[in-house]
Amino acid sequence: MTSAPYAEQSASWPVEGPHVLAQFDDEAIRVYQAYRPAIAEFAVANQRFGGEFSYSRMSWIKPNFLWMMYRCGWATKEGQERVLAIRLRRTFFDELLRQAVPSTYDASRYPSRDDWQRAVAGSDVRLQWDPDHDPSGRALERRAVQLGLRGDALRRYGERELLSIEDVTPFVVAQRAHLHGGFESLATPLEAVYTPAPVAASAVGIDARP
């Protein structure tokens, strides 16, 4: 995992609006999840999800490292003590964006709540845009994305479309000590605004221009 000083990176990030902030290359995008040790250890050892991991429940993935840190309390919350970085094929990630249905009713996208509910029932992917957070947990004007997966989408994610699973908990714990003051000593994964394919960008309401 490539990292860089948070203070330097954050100066170049958008300050408001919905953005997929992530670490990515031409082939893959990195997403994060946090689990209890048993699930994390199986995933790292087998490079897929299984064991105590449940394919019958919705599972949420987050491409933004600091959004994951906010949710798991920098790996201090019960059941979220181990943070995993999953390298996922970009083609699959964009496919998930195309399939995503907002988790709450959006009148600008659906003529009625019944139409939205039918879309929810027919999709294996949920979309949420939530306030991003700084390292201390303060909410920002920028919006961060998370995707909820179930059914075939979750099975493909957990077994076939991922390229690697890395336990980044030691990095998280080391950086947790630098959460005070102006974050001068804090490093975070090197992230930039990810631009999906145009159809995928349109599906989730973001600008497709790089």
C-alpha atoms as a PDB file:
ATOM      1  CA  MET A   1       0.000   0.000   0.000  1.00  0.00           C
ATOM      2  CA  THR A   2       1.397   3.366  -1.039  1.00  0.00           C
ATOM      3  CA  SER A   3       0.967   6.138   1.525  1.00  0.00           C
ATOM      4  CA  ALA A   4       1.767   9.847   1.770  1.00  0.00           C
ATOM      5  CA  PRO A   5       1.447  12.645   4.363  1.00  0.00           C
ATOM      6  CA  TYR A   6      -2.212  13.411   4.996  1.00  0.00           C
ATOM      7  CA  ALA A   7      -1.619  17.171   5.166  1.00  0.00           C
ATOM      8  CA  GLU A   8      -0.111  17.214   1.674  1.00  0.00           C
ATOM      9  CA  GLN A   9      -2.785  15.006   0.148  1.00  0.00           C
ATOM     10  CA  SER A  10      -5.795  16.688   1.695  1.00  0.00           C
ATOM     11  CA  ALA A  11      -4.764  20.060   0.262  1.00  0.00           C
ATOM     12  CA  SER A  12      -5.455  18.719  -3.248  1.00  0.00           C
ATOM     13  CA  TRP A  13      -8.728  16.899  -2.505  1.00  0.00           C
ATOM     14  CA  PRO A  14     -12.146  18.418  -3.344  1.00  0.00           C
ATOM     15  CA  VAL A  15     -13.703  20.168  -0.366  1.00  0.00           C
ATOM     16  CA  GLU A  16     -17.349  19.515  -1.242  1.00  0.00           C
ATOM     17  CA  GLY A  17     -19.631  17.434  -3.406  1.00  0.00           C
ATOM     18  CA  PRO A  18     -19.786  13.678  -4.108  1.00  0.00           C
ATOM     19  CA  HIS A  19     -16.463  12.106  -5.082  1.00  0.00           C
ATOM     20  CA  VAL A  20     -15.012   8.584  -5.186  1.00  0.00           C
ATOM     21  CA  LEU A  21     -11.724   9.219  -3.390  1.00  0.00           C
ATOM     22  CA  ALA A  22      -9.550   6.122  -3.648  1.00  0.00           C
ATOM     23  CA  GLN A  23      -6.207   4.483  -4.362  1.00  0.00           C
ATOM     24  CA  PHE A  24      -6.270   2.931  -7.837  1.00  0.00           C
ATOM     25  CA  ASP A  25      -4.249   2.062 -10.924  1.00  0.00           C
ATOM     26  CA  ASP A  26      -5.125   1.063 -14.483  1.00  0.00           C
ATOM     27  CA  GLU A  27      -6.333  -2.376 -13.403  1.00  0.00           C
ATOM     28  CA  ALA A  28      -7.759  -2.116  -9.918  1.00  0.00           C
ATOM     29  CA  ILE A  29      -9.250   0.089  -7.210  1.00  0.00           C
ATOM     30  CA  ARG A  30      -8.719  -0.470  -3.489  1.00  0.00           C
ATOM     31  CA  VAL A  31     -11.717  -0.763  -1.156  1.00  0.00           C
ATOM     32  CA  TYR A  32     -11.816  -1.285   2.603  1.00  0.00           C
ATOM     33  CA  GLN A  33     -13.731  -3.376   5.088  1.00  0.00           C
ATOM     34  CA  ALA A  34     -13.268  -3.986   8.820  1.00  0.00           C
ATOM     35  CA  TYR A  35     -14.008  -7.306  10.536  1.00  0.00           C
ATOM     36  CA  ARG A  36     -13.388  -9.362  13.629  1.00  0.00           C
ATOM     37  CA  PRO A  37     -10.126 -11.339  13.606  1.00  0.00           C
ATOM     38  CA  ALA A  38     -11.575 -14.703  12.523  1.00  0.00           C
ATOM     39  CA  ILE A  39     -13.054 -13.300   9.310  1.00  0.00           C
ATOM     40  CA  ALA A  40      -9.968 -11.232   8.520  1.00  0.00           C
ATOM     41  CA  GLU A  41      -7.549 -14.096   9.097  1.00  0.00           C
ATOM     42  CA  PHE A  42      -9.485 -16.455   6.811  1.00  0.00           C
ATOM     43  CA  ALA A  43      -9.705 -13.804   4.092  1.00  0.00           C
ATOM     44  CA  VAL A  44      -5.992 -13.017   4.130  1.00  0.00           C
ATOM     45  CA  ALA A  45      -4.925 -16.666   4.317  1.00  0.00           C
ATOM     46  CA  ASN A  46      -7.210 -17.772   1.468  1.00  0.00           C
ATOM     47  CA  GLN A  47      -7.349 -14.532  -0.555  1.00  0.00           C
ATOM     48  CA  ARG A  48     -11.116 -14.746  -0.656  1.00  0.00           C
ATOM     49  CA  PHE A  49     -13.985 -14.334   1.791  1.00  0.00           C
ATOM     50  CA  GLY A  50     -15.351 -17.409   3.510  1.00  0.00           C
ATOM     51  CA  GLY A  51     -15.306 -19.163   6.859  1.00  0.00           C
ATOM     52  CA  GLU A  52     -17.367 -17.064   9.282  1.00  0.00           C
ATOM     53  CA  PHE A  53     -18.063 -14.444   6.598  1.00  0.00           C
ATOM     54  CA  SER A  54     -21.787 -14.394   5.762  1.00  0.00           C
ATOM     55  CA  TYR A  55     -22.924 -14.317   2.146  1.00  0.00           C
ATOM     56  CA  SER A  56     -26.547 -14.044   3.296  1.00  0.00           C
ATOM     57  CA  ARG A  57     -26.153 -10.508   4.686  1.00  0.00           C
ATOM     58  CA  MET A  58     -25.439  -7.229   2.916  1.00  0.00           C
ATOM     59  CA  SER A  59     -21.764  -6.261   3.110  1.00  0.00           C
ATOM     60  CA  TRP A  60     -20.566  -2.660   2.636  1.00  0.00           C
ATOM     61  CA  ILE A  61     -17.367  -1.653   0.847  1.00  0.00           C
ATOM     62  CA  LYS A  62     -15.692   1.747   1.101  1.00  0.00           C
ATOM     63  CA  PRO A  63     -13.009   3.035  -1.300  1.00  0.00           C
ATOM     64  CA  ASN A  64     -12.142   5.990   0.945  1.00  0.00           C
ATOM     65  CA  PHE A  65      -9.657   5.136   3.736  1.00  0.00           C
ATOM     66  CA  LEU A  66     -10.717   7.905   6.126  1.00  0.00           C
ATOM     67  CA  TRP A  67     -14.394   7.019   5.730  1.00  0.00           C
ATOM     68  CA  MET A  68     -13.459   3.484   6.795  1.00  0.00           C
ATOM     69  CA  MET A  69     -11.478   4.876   9.734  1.00  0.00           C
ATOM     70  CA  TYR A  70     -14.489   6.900  10.850  1.00  0.00           C
ATOM     71  CA  ARG A  71     -16.734   3.818  10.716  1.00  0.00           C
ATOM     72  CA  CYS A  72     -14.358   1.470  12.540  1.00  0.00           C
ATOM     73  CA  GLY A  73     -12.894   4.023  14.965  1.00  0.00           C
ATOM     74  CA  TRP A  74      -9.394   3.419  13.629  1.00  0.00           C
ATOM     75  CA  ALA A  75      -9.793  -0.326  14.353  1.00  0.00           C
ATOM     76  CA  THR A  76     -11.021   0.165  17.930  1.00  0.00           C
ATOM     77  CA  LYS A  77     -14.704  -0.794  17.564  1.00  0.00           C
ATOM     78  CA  GLU A  78     -15.802  -4.277  18.574  1.00  0.00           C
ATOM     79  CA  GLY A  79     -16.044  -6.578  15.568  1.00  0.00           C
ATOM     80  CA  GLN A  80     -14.047  -4.138  13.441  1.00  0.00           C
ATOM     81  CA  GLU A  81     -10.591  -4.629  14.928  1.00  0.00           C
ATOM     82  CA  ARG A  82      -8.994  -5.770  11.676  1.00  0.00           C
ATOM     83  CA  VAL A  83      -8.972  -3.541   8.616  1.00  0.00           C
ATOM     84  CA  LEU A  84      -8.660  -5.173   5.205  1.00  0.00           C
ATOM     85  CA  ALA A  85      -7.662  -3.502   1.940  1.00  0.00           C
ATOM     86  CA  ILE A  86      -9.172  -5.336  -1.016  1.00  0.00           C
ATOM     87  CA  ARG A  87      -7.792  -4.745  -4.487  1.00  0.00           C
ATOM     88  CA  LEU A  88     -10.804  -4.996  -6.790  1.00  0.00           C
ATOM     89  CA  ARG A  89     -10.988  -5.030 -10.582  1.00  0.00           C
ATOM     90  CA  ARG A  90     -11.981  -1.601 -11.859  1.00  0.00           C
ATOM     91  CA  THR A  91     -14.308  -3.126 -14.447  1.00  0.00           C
ATOM     92  CA  PHE A  92     -16.229  -4.850 -11.657  1.00  0.00           C
ATOM     93  CA  PHE A  93     -16.280  -1.745  -9.448  1.00  0.00           C
ATOM     94  CA  ASP A  94     -17.736   0.289 -12.321  1.00  0.00           C
ATOM     95  CA  GLU A  95     -20.287  -2.456 -12.897  1.00  0.00           C
ATOM     96  CA  LEU A  96     -21.335  -2.156  -9.264  1.00  0.00           C
ATOM     97  CA  LEU A  97     -21.787   1.594  -9.682  1.00  0.00           C
ATOM     98  CA  ARG A  98     -23.982   1.030 -12.745  1.00  0.00           C
ATOM     99  CA  GLN A  99     -26.187  -1.391 -10.783  1.00  0.00           C
ATOM    100  CA  ALA A 100     -26.373   0.704  -7.611  1.00  0.00           C
ATOM    101  CA  VAL A 101     -29.733   1.872  -6.274  1.00  0.00           C
ATOM    102  CA  PRO A 102     -29.820   4.576  -3.563  1.00  0.00           C
ATOM    103  CA  SER A 103     -30.594   3.238  -0.102  1.00  0.00           C
ATOM    104  CA  THR A 104     -33.101   6.079   0.390  1.00  0.00           C
ATOM    105  CA  TYR A 105     -35.771   7.373  -1.973  1.00  0.00           C
ATOM    106  CA  ASP A 106     -34.553   9.996  -4.454  1.00  0.00           C
ATOM    107  CA  ALA A 107     -37.411  11.833  -6.154  1.00  0.00           C
ATOM    108  CA  SER A 108     -35.075  13.168  -8.853  1.00  0.00           C
ATOM    109  CA  ARG A 109     -34.340   9.615 -10.030  1.00  0.00           C
ATOM    110  CA  TYR A 110     -37.594   7.748  -9.427  1.00  0.00           C
ATOM    111  CA  PRO A 111     -41.136   8.921 -10.294  1.00  0.00           C
ATOM    112  CA  SER A 112     -42.548   7.334  -7.126  1.00  0.00           C
ATOM    113  CA  ARG A 113     -41.553   5.419  -4.036  1.00  0.00           C
ATOM    114  CA  ASP A 114     -43.047   2.299  -5.603  1.00  0.00           C
ATOM    115  CA  ASP A 115     -40.668   2.659  -8.574  1.00  0.00           C
ATOM    116  CA  TRP A 116     -37.731   3.079  -6.217  1.00  0.00           C
ATOM    117  CA  GLN A 117     -38.767   0.059  -4.141  1.00  0.00           C
ATOM    118  CA  ARG A 118     -38.993  -2.064  -7.277  1.00  0.00           C
ATOM    119  CA  ALA A 119     -35.493  -0.904  -8.235  1.00  0.00           C
ATOM    120  CA  VAL A 120     -34.232  -1.820  -4.748  1.00  0.00           C
ATOM    121  CA  ALA A 121     -35.784  -5.267  -4.999  1.00  0.00           C
ATOM    122  CA  GLY A 122     -34.215  -5.849  -8.407  1.00  0.00           C
ATOM    123  CA  SER A 123     -30.656  -4.776  -7.586  1.00  0.00           C
ATOM    124  CA  ASP A 124     -27.916  -6.440  -5.542  1.00  0.00           C
ATOM    125  CA  VAL A 125     -26.125  -3.116  -4.964  1.00  0.00           C
ATOM    126  CA  ARG A 126     -27.028  -0.241  -2.605  1.00  0.00           C
ATOM    127  CA  LEU A 127     -25.579   3.239  -2.914  1.00  0.00           C
ATOM    128  CA  GLN A 128     -24.955   5.686  -0.085  1.00  0.00           C
ATOM    129  CA  TRP A 129     -23.327   9.113  -0.228  1.00  0.00           C
ATOM    130  CA  ASP A 130     -22.383  10.098   3.303  1.00  0.00           C
ATOM    131  CA  PRO A 131     -20.408  13.010   4.754  1.00  0.00           C
ATOM    132  CA  ASP A 132     -16.698  12.342   4.514  1.00  0.00           C
ATOM    133  CA  HIS A 133     -14.688  12.886   7.703  1.00  0.00           C
ATOM    134  CA  ASP A 134     -11.281  14.193   8.609  1.00  0.00           C
ATOM    135  CA  PRO A 135      -8.913  11.990  10.658  1.00  0.00           C
ATOM    136  CA  SER A 136     -10.401  13.187  13.958  1.00  0.00           C
ATOM    137  CA  GLY A 137     -13.901  12.232  12.846  1.00  0.00           C
ATOM    138  CA  ARG A 138     -15.149  15.728  12.017  1.00  0.00           C
ATOM    139  CA  ALA A 139     -17.783  15.704   9.259  1.00  0.00           C
ATOM    140  CA  LEU A 140     -16.845  17.470   6.009  1.00  0.00           C
ATOM    141  CA  GLU A 141     -18.800  18.998   3.124  1.00  0.00           C
ATOM    142  CA  ARG A 142     -17.317  16.406   0.745  1.00  0.00           C
ATOM    143  CA  ARG A 143     -19.418  13.269   0.292  1.00  0.00           C
ATOM    144  CA  ALA A 144     -17.933   9.770   0.410  1.00  0.00           C
ATOM    145  CA  VAL A 145     -19.430   6.726  -1.282  1.00  0.00           C
ATOM    146  CA  GLN A 146     -20.091   3.283   0.135  1.00  0.00           C
ATOM    147  CA  LEU A 147     -21.685   0.367  -1.681  1.00  0.00           C
ATOM    148  CA  GLY A 148     -23.741  -2.380  -0.077  1.00  0.00           C
ATOM    149  CA  LEU A 149     -23.493  -5.762  -1.794  1.00  0.00           C
ATOM    150  CA  ARG A 150     -25.723  -8.806  -1.558  1.00  0.00           C
ATOM    151  CA  GLY A 151     -26.619 -11.862  -3.620  1.00  0.00           C
ATOM    152  CA  ASP A 152     -24.615 -12.521  -6.768  1.00  0.00           C
ATOM    153  CA  ALA A 153     -22.761  -9.185  -6.504  1.00  0.00           C
ATOM    154  CA  LEU A 154     -21.469 -10.102  -3.057  1.00  0.00           C
ATOM    155  CA  ARG A 155     -20.513 -13.626  -4.119  1.00  0.00           C
ATOM    156  CA  ARG A 156     -18.578 -12.313  -7.120  1.00  0.00           C
ATOM    157  CA  TYR A 157     -16.882  -9.697  -4.960  1.00  0.00           C
ATOM    158  CA  GLY A 158     -15.881 -12.146  -2.256  1.00  0.00           C
ATOM    159  CA  GLU A 159     -14.673 -14.988  -4.445  1.00  0.00           C
ATOM    160  CA  ARG A 160     -13.920 -14.005  -8.045  1.00  0.00           C
ATOM    161  CA  GLU A 161     -13.477 -10.296  -8.759  1.00  0.00           C
ATOM    162  CA  LEU A 162     -10.926  -9.374  -6.109  1.00  0.00           C
ATOM    163  CA  LEU A 163      -7.224  -9.488  -6.919  1.00  0.00           C
ATOM    164  CA  SER A 164      -5.771  -9.418  -3.405  1.00  0.00           C
ATOM    165  CA  ILE A 165      -6.651  -8.967   0.258  1.00  0.00           C
ATOM    166  CA  GLU A 166      -4.194  -7.232   2.582  1.00  0.00           C
ATOM    167  CA  ASP A 167      -4.472  -6.764   6.340  1.00  0.00           C
ATOM    168  CA  VAL A 168      -3.543  -3.108   6.890  1.00  0.00           C
ATOM    169  CA  THR A 169      -4.311  -3.091  10.618  1.00  0.00           C
ATOM    170  CA  PRO A 170      -0.650  -2.527  11.626  1.00  0.00           C
ATOM    171  CA  PHE A 171      -0.594   0.607   9.464  1.00  0.00           C
ATOM    172  CA  VAL A 172      -3.886   1.791  10.981  1.00  0.00           C
ATOM    173  CA  VAL A 173      -2.641   1.267  14.532  1.00  0.00           C
ATOM    174  CA  ALA A 174       0.641   3.052  13.804  1.00  0.00           C
ATOM    175  CA  GLN A 175      -1.141   6.074  12.331  1.00  0.00           C
ATOM    176  CA  ARG A 176      -3.699   6.181  15.128  1.00  0.00           C
ATOM    177  CA  ALA A 177      -0.975   7.676  17.301  1.00  0.00           C
ATOM    178  CA  HIS A 178      -0.825  10.751  15.027  1.00  0.00           C
ATOM    179  CA  LEU A 179      -4.432  11.935  15.291  1.00  0.00           C
ATOM    180  CA  HIS A 180      -3.747  15.011  17.395  1.00  0.00           C
ATOM    181  CA  GLY A 181      -2.864  18.586  16.530  1.00  0.00           C
ATOM    182  CA  GLY A 182      -2.641  19.409  12.859  1.00  0.00           C
ATOM    183  CA  PHE A 183      -1.962  15.827  11.711  1.00  0.00           C
ATOM    184  CA  GLU A 184       1.570  16.816  10.666  1.00  0.00           C
ATOM    185  CA  SER A 185       2.913  13.308  11.270  1.00  0.00           C
ATOM    186  CA  LEU A 186      -0.104  11.424   9.942  1.00  0.00           C
ATOM    187  CA  ALA A 187       0.208   9.328   6.770  1.00  0.00           C
ATOM    188  CA  THR A 188      -2.745   7.918   4.847  1.00  0.00           C
ATOM    189  CA  PRO A 189      -2.979   5.776   1.704  1.00  0.00           C
ATOM    190  CA  LEU A 190      -2.233   7.786  -1.415  1.00  0.00           C
ATOM    191  CA  GLU A 191      -5.678   8.641  -2.816  1.00  0.00           C
ATOM    192  CA  ALA A 192      -7.084  10.743  -5.648  1.00  0.00           C
ATOM    193  CA  VAL A 193     -10.479  11.292  -7.217  1.00  0.00           C
ATOM    194  CA  TYR A 194     -11.462   8.188  -9.156  1.00  0.00           C
ATOM    195  CA  THR A 195     -13.319   8.817 -12.422  1.00  0.00           C
ATOM    196  CA  PRO A 196     -15.535   5.870 -13.399  1.00  0.00           C
ATOM    197  CA  ALA A 197     -16.628   5.085 -16.916  1.00  0.00           C
ATOM    198  CA  PRO A 198     -19.263   7.648 -18.040  1.00  0.00           C
ATOM    199  CA  VAL A 199     -22.274   5.345 -17.696  1.00  0.00           C
ATOM    200  CA  ALA A 200     -21.189   4.320 -14.186  1.00  0.00           C
ATOM    201  CA  ALA A 201     -20.553   7.931 -13.194  1.00  0.00           C
ATOM    202  CA  SER A 202     -23.968   9.001 -14.430  1.00  0.00           C
ATOM    203  CA  ALA A 203     -25.637   6.166 -12.513  1.00  0.00           C
ATOM    204  CA  VAL A 204     -24.335   7.490  -9.189  1.00  0.00           C
ATOM    205  CA  GLY A 205     -24.576  11.187  -9.955  1.00  0.00           C
ATOM    206  CA  ILE A 206     -20.951  12.244 -10.338  1.00  0.00           C
ATOM    207  CA  ASP A 207     -18.984  14.059 -13.027  1.00  0.00           C
ATOM    208  CA  ALA A 208     -17.439  11.663 -15.556  1.00  0.00           C
ATOM    209  CA  ARG A 209     -14.762  14.148 -16.608  1.00  0.00           C
ATOM    210  CA  PRO A 210     -11.247  13.388 -15.251  1.00  0.00           C
END
